Each structure stands twice: as structure tokens, then as C-alpha cells.
Amino acid sequence: MKILIGADTYAPDVNGASYFAQRLAASLAGRHQVHVVCPSTDRENRTVFSAGVIEHRIGSLPVLRRKDFRFCSPLGLVSRVREVLEFAEPDVVHVQSHFFLCRALVQAATELGIPVVATNHFMPENLTHYLPFGERLHDWAWADAARVLSRAHVVTAPTPYAAALAERSGVAGPVLAISCGMDLSRFRVGAPTAAFRLRYGVPARPTIAYVGRLDREKNLDVLVRALPAVREKVADAQVMLVGTGAEKRALTRLAAKLGVAEALVFTGFVADEDLPAAYAAADVFVNAGTAELQSLVTLEAMASGKPVLGADASALPHLVHDGDNGYLFPPGDSATLAARLIDVLASPARAASMGRRSRALAEEHDVNRTVVAFEELYELPMRAPAVLAGQSS
């Protein structure tokens, strides 16, 4: 089968949607011819062959105020991606967003009669933080997403929460819940940590970890505010923040104000091959975000056998089962988060038990199941073209 994946964010971008698209492409490439259409790292168009995947890189521009992200200008974009589709002749197009590049792919594929599968990784809350009057744009942002996604033959989302949210927000259903999946052989219990600690300057102390972008919607100030209370009971506890982002300076200032600056460790960017060791170096993982449609980093921590603490919001309760593999805490509640962290760090036996449950739950998200589920969706046009034609009308 020829499969073309469209992604407005892809390597070298660091975020969940980018990682999902990369892992899906790599997993499919062993059995199918896989093309990826994604932004270039500059203004030039180019086609490259990378790890079994044919990448069609479309010239792009940096996003204002977020220079680590790039976008493809909509000017002439439909014609450009139509050329790619006519060259690749895919059996199906699988887009990962409704933004400029994927929007153009949906239009061109529809005009050429190529079936479209769409996966939604979008919540307006992840965008409106960076826009003037962003909160007022919430409903418009969902309406815009729904207009594009509803043109696909099949729409998926990573969790039942995400699927229901998309339907409530106007996406024509049913929206199917398919996990982003987890590479259980790569993220595993007991990865060695000595080289990681040396390379990234992480002391061997009780460690509370977060992995991901250091951006405002991740609510990392909640974790930093919990640290003083934790250190009253676990004196040498530290918070390890793995990643980069705009909030580093503010978090550093907050830690200094609270008197815990020496207990806040920033690793900076961590190479992909070092990520398993980053999770292994942690005793507990925390996600205080309130705009998660699944959270790959939480799944990675679970696959690594770690207790996980998450804000009781969005899709995190699908992964964090309160009192089982970790704890939920009210969004923004640093005091409750601190109490839960103390509970985990002060009881190695409880932490180990929760870690084992995390691993067992992560095994339900084996990436091989995800790949098979999408392969079945991709085959639908050949098995039941009339049904799909009716869905897209």
C-alpha cells in the first residue's frame, strides 16, 4: 500500500504530534511505501529519503514569537502538494492537523479522489496562549478545525476524551479513539542512567521529573511551587525539567524566590537516544498540564515503570489511575501535588508497586496495535468505497 502522511509539525520539531507522525511513518515503512509531506527547515522545497520514508519537505517560514516552529505559507500550497500527490500516487492520505499544509493536502486529495484519514492532536488551549485575545478565539479555532477535519473520510483522536471533545466541538462523527501508541521495547524498566546523569548534570538524588516543552500551558510553575513543601519531608528531593522552552527564565526566578533554586535541574534539550535514560533517572513523573489529548511523555514514563502524577483534567485520567499507578491532583493545586509527591517518595514499596502498574497499563498502548488499527482504516476505501464516499459527502 502507498501511504502519504501529512504533518504541519515533524522532525526536528519537539512535540507530541511531531513524534507521533515520525513513529507512525517509521513503523509503517517496513510494510508499505510511506511518503511524508511536512515543512522544510528553510524556504526550499526538497525530497529526501530518510530511514525508509520518502520525505517531501515544503519550504517554510518561522512562526513569529515561536521561532522553533515553522509553517508553510498558504500561497500556492494546494498546487504544490497536488504535485506531490500526483507524483506519489498514494492509496490514502493521513493528515495530522488542520493547519495550512494539512488543509492544502485535504483539499488536493479530495479533488483528486484520494481517501483522507485525519487525526486531531489539536486543542485551542495549546495555541491561544500565544495569541493576542487568545481566549476569545477559542470557539472560532474549534469551528475552523471542524470545517477541515470534517472533510476527511475518517477522523481519529488519541483517547476517548479527545474523540468526544472533537465531536462536541463540531467535528462530524463518529470520531474514532486510537492511541498514539508506545514503543515498549525502547521505553522500558531499568534503562542505565550513569551516562545520562554525567552528560546532563543530574545529581543522583530523589528526582521528580517532567519531560517536554517548557511552555506556559504546561503549568510547570505548579510543580515548582510544590517543591518547598516536598523538601521539608524529603530534604534532598529535586525537580528535573527535561526540555527547552520560553518559561525557563520565569521558572528559574520562581525557584529562587521560593528558596529551591539549587533543587531545580534544567537538562536543556535531550537527544532522542537519551530519553529512555531520562525517565529511568526519575523516581516519579509529573504532568501538570490541563490541555492534553493524550500525553506521549506520560505514556513514556509509564512504559519506563514510573509512578505518574497528573492534573485531573482533559485526557490525563485515561492514563493516571488515582491510587493505582499514581495520583491525580486538582489542576493548579500545588499543595495537593506536594502531598502526593511526599507520599510516593517516602514509600519506595508503594512507588515500585505503582511503577509496575504503570508499565502494565502502558502495555495496552503498544505501538504495534496502533499501526494495525490505522492499517485497517487505510484499507477501508478498497473494501467499501461506497460507504466512505457517503461519509465524505
Protein backbone atom coordinates (compact mmCIF):
# COMPACT_ATOMS: atom_id res chain seq x y z
CA MET A 1 0.00 0.00 0.00
CA LYS A 2 1.15 3.58 -0.68
CA ILE A 3 0.51 5.81 2.34
CA LEU A 4 1.11 9.56 2.49
CA ILE A 5 1.27 11.19 5.92
CA GLY A 6 0.79 14.95 6.12
CA ALA A 7 2.20 16.79 9.13
CA ASP A 8 2.43 20.51 9.87
CA THR A 9 4.96 19.65 12.59
CA TYR A 10 7.62 16.99 12.04
CA ALA A 11 11.30 16.37 12.76
CA PRO A 12 13.21 18.26 14.05
CA ASP A 13 10.17 19.71 15.88
CA VAL A 14 9.84 18.61 19.51
CA ASN A 15 6.21 17.94 20.42
CA GLY A 16 3.77 15.07 20.69
CA ALA A 17 2.19 15.44 17.24
CA SER A 18 5.62 15.51 15.59
CA TYR A 19 6.79 12.42 17.45
CA PHE A 20 3.58 10.54 16.67
CA ALA A 21 3.89 11.25 12.93
CA GLN A 22 7.55 10.21 12.92
CA ARG A 23 6.90 6.96 14.80
CA LEU A 24 3.89 6.07 12.69
CA ALA A 25 5.82 6.66 9.46
CA ALA A 26 8.77 4.59 10.66
CA SER A 27 6.52 1.74 11.85
CA LEU A 28 4.61 1.62 8.56
CA ALA A 29 7.71 1.87 6.37
CA GLY A 30 8.66 -1.76 6.94
CA ARG A 31 5.48 -2.99 5.25
CA HIS A 32 4.36 -0.17 2.96
CA GLN A 33 5.68 2.60 0.75
CA VAL A 34 5.45 5.65 3.01
CA HIS A 35 5.62 9.29 1.96
CA VAL A 36 5.59 12.21 4.40
CA VAL A 37 4.72 15.79 3.44
CA CYS A 38 5.98 18.23 6.05
CA PRO A 39 7.63 21.67 6.42
CA SER A 40 11.23 22.13 5.36
CA THR A 41 13.69 23.65 7.81
CA ASP A 42 14.14 26.56 5.41
CA ARG A 43 12.40 28.13 2.40
CA GLU A 44 13.48 25.46 -0.05
CA ASN A 45 11.41 22.52 -1.35
CA ARG A 46 13.25 19.21 -1.33
CA THR A 47 12.60 15.48 -1.36
CA VAL A 48 14.82 13.22 0.76
CA PHE A 49 14.88 9.53 1.64
CA SER A 50 15.21 9.05 5.41
CA ALA A 51 15.11 5.71 7.26
CA GLY A 52 12.84 4.07 4.70
CA VAL A 53 10.50 7.07 4.42
CA ILE A 54 10.26 9.43 1.42
CA GLU A 55 10.04 12.95 2.88
CA HIS A 56 8.68 15.77 0.74
CA ARG A 57 9.83 18.91 2.54
CA ILE A 58 7.86 22.03 1.63
CA GLY A 59 9.55 25.43 2.01
CA SER A 60 8.50 27.13 5.24
CA LEU A 61 8.78 30.29 7.32
CA PRO A 62 9.42 30.74 11.08
CA VAL A 63 6.42 31.40 13.32
CA LEU A 64 6.52 34.85 14.91
CA ARG A 65 7.29 34.64 18.65
CA ARG A 66 7.89 30.87 18.29
CA LYS A 67 10.99 30.60 16.11
CA ASP A 68 11.33 26.89 16.94
CA PHE A 69 8.17 26.28 14.88
CA ARG A 70 7.75 26.80 11.15
CA PHE A 71 4.75 26.98 8.83
CA CYS A 72 4.12 26.60 5.13
CA SER A 73 2.67 29.73 3.52
CA PRO A 74 -0.78 29.02 2.06
CA LEU A 75 0.14 30.91 -1.13
CA GLY A 76 0.27 28.31 -3.92
CA LEU A 77 0.32 25.50 -1.37
CA VAL A 78 -2.57 23.49 -2.82
CA SER A 79 -0.84 23.38 -6.22
CA ARG A 80 2.46 22.36 -4.62
CA VAL A 81 1.01 19.46 -2.62
CA ARG A 82 -1.10 18.38 -5.61
CA GLU A 83 2.19 17.89 -7.48
CA VAL A 84 3.43 15.70 -4.65
CA LEU A 85 0.22 13.65 -4.64
CA GLU A 86 0.37 13.17 -8.41
CA PHE A 87 3.98 12.01 -8.07
CA ALA A 88 3.44 9.69 -5.09
CA GLU A 89 0.02 8.34 -6.17
CA PRO A 90 -0.92 7.30 -2.61
CA ASP A 91 -3.80 4.96 -1.85
CA VAL A 92 -4.64 7.09 1.20
CA VAL A 93 -3.63 10.41 2.76
CA HIS A 94 -3.37 10.64 6.55
CA VAL A 95 -3.19 14.22 7.84
CA GLN A 96 -2.19 15.10 11.41
CA SER A 97 -3.74 18.55 11.71
CA HIS A 98 -5.99 21.13 10.07
CA PHE A 99 -3.32 23.80 9.65
CA PHE A 100 -2.02 25.21 6.37
CA LEU A 101 -0.11 22.23 4.99
CA CYS A 102 -2.59 19.54 6.01
CA ARG A 103 -5.50 21.78 4.97
CA ALA A 104 -3.99 22.03 1.49
CA LEU A 105 -3.49 18.25 1.40
CA VAL A 106 -7.12 17.62 2.33
CA GLN A 107 -8.28 19.92 -0.47
CA ALA A 108 -5.93 18.49 -3.10
CA ALA A 109 -6.60 14.86 -2.11
CA THR A 110 -10.35 15.43 -2.21
CA GLU A 111 -10.12 16.98 -5.69
CA LEU A 112 -8.03 14.01 -6.87
CA GLY A 113 -10.39 11.46 -5.32
CA ILE A 114 -7.85 10.14 -2.80
CA PRO A 115 -9.36 8.97 0.54
CA VAL A 116 -8.35 11.03 3.58
CA VAL A 117 -7.88 9.93 7.20
CA ALA A 118 -7.39 12.75 9.72
CA THR A 119 -6.04 12.56 13.27
CA ASN A 120 -6.69 15.51 15.57
CA HIS A 121 -3.92 16.45 18.02
CA PHE A 122 -5.26 20.00 18.46
CA MET A 123 -6.71 21.81 21.44
CA PRO A 124 -7.17 25.59 21.15
CA GLU A 125 -5.64 25.98 24.62
CA ASN A 126 -2.28 24.93 23.16
CA LEU A 127 -2.44 27.81 20.70
CA THR A 128 -4.40 30.65 22.28
CA HIS A 129 -1.72 31.23 24.96
CA TYR A 130 0.44 32.75 22.24
CA LEU A 131 -2.14 34.95 20.51
CA PRO A 132 -3.49 38.39 21.45
CA PHE A 133 -7.02 37.99 22.84
CA GLY A 134 -6.44 34.27 22.53
CA GLU A 135 -9.23 33.19 24.84
CA ARG A 136 -11.78 34.94 22.63
CA LEU A 137 -10.60 32.85 19.69
CA HIS A 138 -11.39 29.50 21.35
CA ASP A 139 -14.74 28.83 19.67
CA TRP A 140 -13.56 30.15 16.30
CA ALA A 141 -10.48 27.89 16.47
CA TRP A 142 -12.60 24.80 17.02
CA ALA A 143 -15.02 25.79 14.26
CA ASP A 144 -12.10 26.25 11.86
CA ALA A 145 -10.66 22.84 12.82
CA ALA A 146 -14.05 21.17 12.43
CA ARG A 147 -14.52 22.57 8.91
CA VAL A 148 -11.29 20.98 7.73
CA LEU A 149 -11.40 17.71 9.68
CA SER A 150 -14.99 17.02 8.69
CA ARG A 151 -13.90 16.73 5.06
CA ALA A 152 -11.94 13.57 5.87
CA HIS A 153 -13.48 10.16 5.31
CA VAL A 154 -12.44 9.06 8.80
CA VAL A 155 -11.37 11.17 11.80
CA THR A 156 -9.46 9.79 14.78
CA ALA A 157 -8.22 11.18 18.09
CA PRO A 158 -5.80 9.69 20.64
CA THR A 159 -8.25 9.00 23.51
CA PRO A 160 -11.99 8.65 24.14
CA TYR A 161 -11.84 12.09 25.80
CA ALA A 162 -10.23 13.61 22.70
CA ALA A 163 -12.72 11.92 20.39
CA ALA A 164 -15.73 13.13 22.40
CA LEU A 165 -14.29 16.64 22.63
CA ALA A 166 -13.85 16.82 18.85
CA GLU A 167 -17.44 15.70 18.28
CA ARG A 168 -18.79 18.22 20.82
CA SER A 169 -16.77 20.91 19.08
CA GLY A 170 -18.35 20.28 15.69
CA VAL A 171 -16.24 17.59 14.01
CA ALA A 172 -18.53 15.25 12.10
CA GLY A 173 -18.53 11.92 13.90
CA PRO A 174 -18.11 9.29 14.80
CA VAL A 175 -14.54 10.25 15.75
CA LEU A 176 -12.60 7.06 16.49
CA ALA A 177 -10.32 6.80 19.53
CA ILE A 178 -6.93 5.28 18.59
CA SER A 179 -4.00 5.65 20.96
CA CYS A 180 -0.85 7.29 19.64
CA GLY A 181 0.90 4.15 20.83
CA MET A 182 4.15 3.48 22.68
CA ASP A 183 7.40 1.76 21.69
CA LEU A 184 7.58 -0.64 24.62
CA SER A 185 10.96 -2.02 23.60
CA ARG A 186 12.58 1.41 23.66
CA PHE A 187 10.97 2.80 26.82
CA ARG A 188 11.42 0.09 29.39
CA VAL A 189 12.12 -0.53 33.05
CA GLY A 190 15.73 -0.28 34.22
CA ALA A 191 17.49 1.65 31.47
CA PRO A 192 21.05 2.63 32.60
CA THR A 193 21.37 6.20 33.88
CA ALA A 194 25.02 6.89 34.76
CA ALA A 195 26.00 8.32 31.35
CA PHE A 196 22.82 10.42 31.22
CA ARG A 197 23.43 11.92 34.66
CA LEU A 198 27.01 12.78 33.76
CA ARG A 199 26.16 14.23 30.34
CA TYR A 200 23.25 16.40 31.55
CA GLY A 201 24.39 17.27 35.08
CA VAL A 202 21.69 15.45 37.04
CA PRO A 203 22.71 14.52 40.62
CA ALA A 204 21.74 11.10 41.97
CA ARG A 205 19.04 12.30 44.37
CA PRO A 206 15.28 11.64 44.76
CA THR A 207 14.07 13.03 41.44
CA ILE A 208 10.72 14.40 40.32
CA ALA A 209 10.72 14.61 36.52
CA TYR A 210 8.93 16.41 33.74
CA VAL A 211 9.76 15.87 30.06
CA GLY A 212 8.54 18.17 27.30
CA ARG A 213 8.29 21.78 26.25
CA LEU A 214 8.84 24.36 28.99
CA ASP A 215 5.87 26.44 27.88
CA ARG A 216 3.10 28.25 29.66
CA GLU A 217 0.28 25.76 29.01
CA LYS A 218 2.29 23.02 30.75
CA ASN A 219 1.75 24.75 34.14
CA LEU A 220 5.24 23.95 35.38
CA ASP A 221 5.01 26.69 37.99
CA VAL A 222 2.60 24.37 39.86
CA LEU A 223 5.36 21.78 40.13
CA VAL A 224 7.98 24.32 41.23
CA ARG A 225 5.61 25.73 43.87
CA ALA A 226 5.17 22.21 45.28
CA LEU A 227 8.90 21.69 45.72
CA PRO A 228 9.49 23.60 49.01
CA ALA A 229 6.86 21.52 50.84
CA VAL A 230 8.27 18.32 49.37
CA ARG A 231 11.78 19.21 50.55
CA GLU A 232 10.53 19.73 54.10
CA LYS A 233 9.89 15.96 54.20
CA VAL A 234 12.36 14.70 51.60
CA ALA A 235 15.29 17.06 52.13
CA ASP A 236 17.32 16.24 49.04
CA ALA A 237 14.45 15.98 46.54
CA GLN A 238 14.97 17.72 43.20
CA VAL A 239 12.88 18.57 40.15
CA MET A 240 14.40 17.65 36.79
CA LEU A 241 12.95 19.54 33.80
CA VAL A 242 13.88 17.86 30.53
CA GLY A 243 13.39 20.08 27.51
CA THR A 244 13.50 23.67 26.35
CA GLY A 245 11.00 26.49 26.16
CA ALA A 246 10.06 30.07 26.84
CA GLU A 247 9.28 29.56 30.53
CA LYS A 248 12.78 28.61 31.71
CA ARG A 249 13.64 32.11 32.90
CA ALA A 250 10.36 32.56 34.78
CA LEU A 251 10.70 29.15 36.42
CA THR A 252 14.27 29.95 37.47
CA ARG A 253 13.13 33.20 39.07
CA LEU A 254 10.26 31.44 40.85
CA ALA A 255 12.56 28.75 42.24
CA ALA A 256 14.96 31.41 43.53
CA LYS A 257 12.10 33.30 45.17
CA LEU A 258 10.93 30.10 46.89
CA GLY A 259 14.45 29.21 48.02
CA VAL A 260 14.73 25.99 45.98
CA ALA A 261 16.89 27.15 43.07
CA GLU A 262 19.57 24.57 43.83
CA ALA A 263 16.96 21.80 43.63
CA LEU A 264 15.73 22.72 40.13
CA VAL A 265 17.72 20.97 37.39
CA PHE A 266 17.34 22.01 33.74
CA THR A 267 18.83 19.48 31.34
CA GLY A 268 18.09 21.54 28.24
CA PHE A 269 17.45 19.64 25.02
CA VAL A 270 17.94 15.90 25.43
CA ALA A 271 18.83 13.86 22.37
CA ASP A 272 16.22 11.30 21.37
CA GLU A 273 18.53 8.39 22.10
CA ASP A 274 18.98 9.66 25.68
CA LEU A 275 15.28 9.97 26.52
CA PRO A 276 14.84 6.43 27.93
CA ALA A 277 17.64 7.18 30.43
CA ALA A 278 15.98 10.48 31.38
CA TYR A 279 12.86 8.65 32.52
CA ALA A 280 14.93 5.95 34.22
CA ALA A 281 16.72 8.66 36.25
CA ALA A 282 13.39 9.76 37.77
CA ASP A 283 11.60 8.40 40.82
CA VAL A 284 8.25 9.90 39.85
CA PHE A 285 6.89 11.75 36.81
CA VAL A 286 4.57 14.78 36.95
CA ASN A 287 2.34 16.31 34.27
CA ALA A 288 0.52 19.43 35.50
CA GLY A 289 -0.85 20.32 32.05
CA THR A 290 -4.57 20.83 31.55
CA ALA A 291 -4.68 20.68 27.74
CA GLU A 292 -3.59 17.11 26.98
CA LEU A 293 -5.39 14.97 24.39
CA GLN A 294 -3.26 12.00 25.46
CA SER A 295 0.33 12.91 26.53
CA LEU A 296 3.04 10.79 24.98
CA VAL A 297 5.53 11.81 27.66
CA THR A 298 3.24 10.45 30.37
CA LEU A 299 2.96 7.20 28.43
CA GLU A 300 6.74 7.06 28.06
CA ALA A 301 7.16 7.49 31.82
CA MET A 302 4.62 4.73 32.41
CA ALA A 303 6.37 2.40 29.96
CA SER A 304 9.57 3.12 31.92
CA GLY A 305 7.89 1.81 35.06
CA LYS A 306 7.43 5.11 36.89
CA PRO A 307 4.61 6.31 39.16
CA VAL A 308 2.84 9.20 37.41
CA LEU A 309 1.06 12.21 38.91
CA GLY A 310 -1.23 14.22 36.68
CA ALA A 311 -3.65 17.10 36.80
CA ASP A 312 -7.22 15.83 36.94
CA ALA A 313 -8.07 17.40 33.59
CA SER A 314 -8.51 16.62 29.90
CA ALA A 315 -7.22 13.16 28.95
CA LEU A 316 -4.75 12.57 31.78
CA PRO A 317 -7.24 10.50 33.84
CA HIS A 318 -7.15 7.96 30.98
CA LEU A 319 -3.52 7.30 31.89
CA VAL A 320 -3.21 8.26 35.57
CA HIS A 321 -5.45 6.00 37.63
CA ASP A 322 -5.71 7.63 41.04
CA GLY A 323 -4.21 5.45 43.77
CA ASP A 324 -3.25 2.72 41.28
CA ASN A 325 -0.33 3.73 39.07
CA GLY A 326 -0.07 7.20 40.58
CA TYR A 327 -2.27 10.07 41.70
CA LEU A 328 -4.43 12.78 40.22
CA PHE A 329 -4.48 16.25 41.77
CA PRO A 330 -6.77 19.25 41.21
CA PRO A 331 -5.41 21.49 38.43
CA GLY A 332 -3.19 24.24 39.82
CA ASP A 333 -3.20 22.77 43.36
CA SER A 334 0.46 22.77 44.41
CA ALA A 335 -0.34 21.80 48.00
CA THR A 336 -2.12 18.58 47.00
CA LEU A 337 0.58 17.82 44.44
CA ALA A 338 3.23 18.22 47.16
CA ALA A 339 1.37 15.86 49.49
CA ARG A 340 1.08 13.24 46.74
CA LEU A 341 4.76 13.55 45.87
CA ILE A 342 5.74 13.09 49.50
CA ASP A 343 3.54 10.00 49.67
CA VAL A 344 5.32 8.46 46.69
CA LEU A 345 8.89 9.49 47.56
CA ALA A 346 8.57 8.46 51.22
CA SER A 347 7.42 4.93 50.38
CA PRO A 348 9.71 3.07 47.94
CA ALA A 349 7.47 0.00 48.13
CA ARG A 350 4.38 1.98 47.12
CA ALA A 351 6.34 3.72 44.36
CA ALA A 352 7.56 0.39 43.00
CA SER A 353 4.04 -1.06 43.03
CA MET A 354 2.68 1.98 41.19
CA GLY A 355 5.52 1.74 38.69
CA ARG A 356 4.66 -1.88 37.90
CA ARG A 357 1.03 -0.88 37.30
CA SER A 358 2.18 1.96 35.05
CA ARG A 359 4.12 -0.47 32.90
CA ALA A 360 1.15 -2.85 32.70
CA LEU A 361 -1.17 -0.03 31.65
CA ALA A 362 1.35 1.24 29.09
CA GLU A 363 1.42 -2.21 27.51
CA GLU A 364 -2.20 -1.63 26.47
CA HIS A 365 -0.85 1.15 24.21
CA ASP A 366 1.66 -0.96 22.29
CA VAL A 367 2.52 0.93 19.10
CA ASN A 368 2.01 -2.26 17.09
CA ARG A 369 -1.69 -2.15 17.96
CA THR A 370 -1.83 1.46 16.81
CA VAL A 371 -0.21 0.62 13.48
CA VAL A 372 -2.59 -2.27 12.85
CA ALA A 373 -5.60 -0.07 13.68
CA PHE A 374 -4.51 2.55 11.14
CA GLU A 375 -3.73 -0.07 8.51
CA GLU A 376 -7.30 -1.29 8.83
CA LEU A 377 -8.58 2.26 8.37
CA TYR A 378 -6.37 2.78 5.32
CA GLU A 379 -7.79 -0.38 3.73
CA LEU A 380 -11.40 0.72 4.10
CA PRO A 381 -11.53 2.60 0.75
CA MET A 382 -10.65 -0.61 -1.12
CA ARG A 383 -13.12 -2.73 0.86
CA ALA A 384 -16.05 -0.30 0.98
CA PRO A 385 -15.56 2.70 -1.32
CA ALA A 386 -19.28 3.44 -1.48
CA VAL A 387 -19.55 3.70 2.30
CA LEU A 388 -16.64 6.12 2.52
CA ALA A 389 -17.98 8.17 -0.37
CA GLY A 390 -21.18 8.59 1.60
CA GLN A 391 -19.29 9.66 4.72
CA SER A 392 -17.45 12.41 2.84
CA SER A 393 -20.50 13.84 1.12
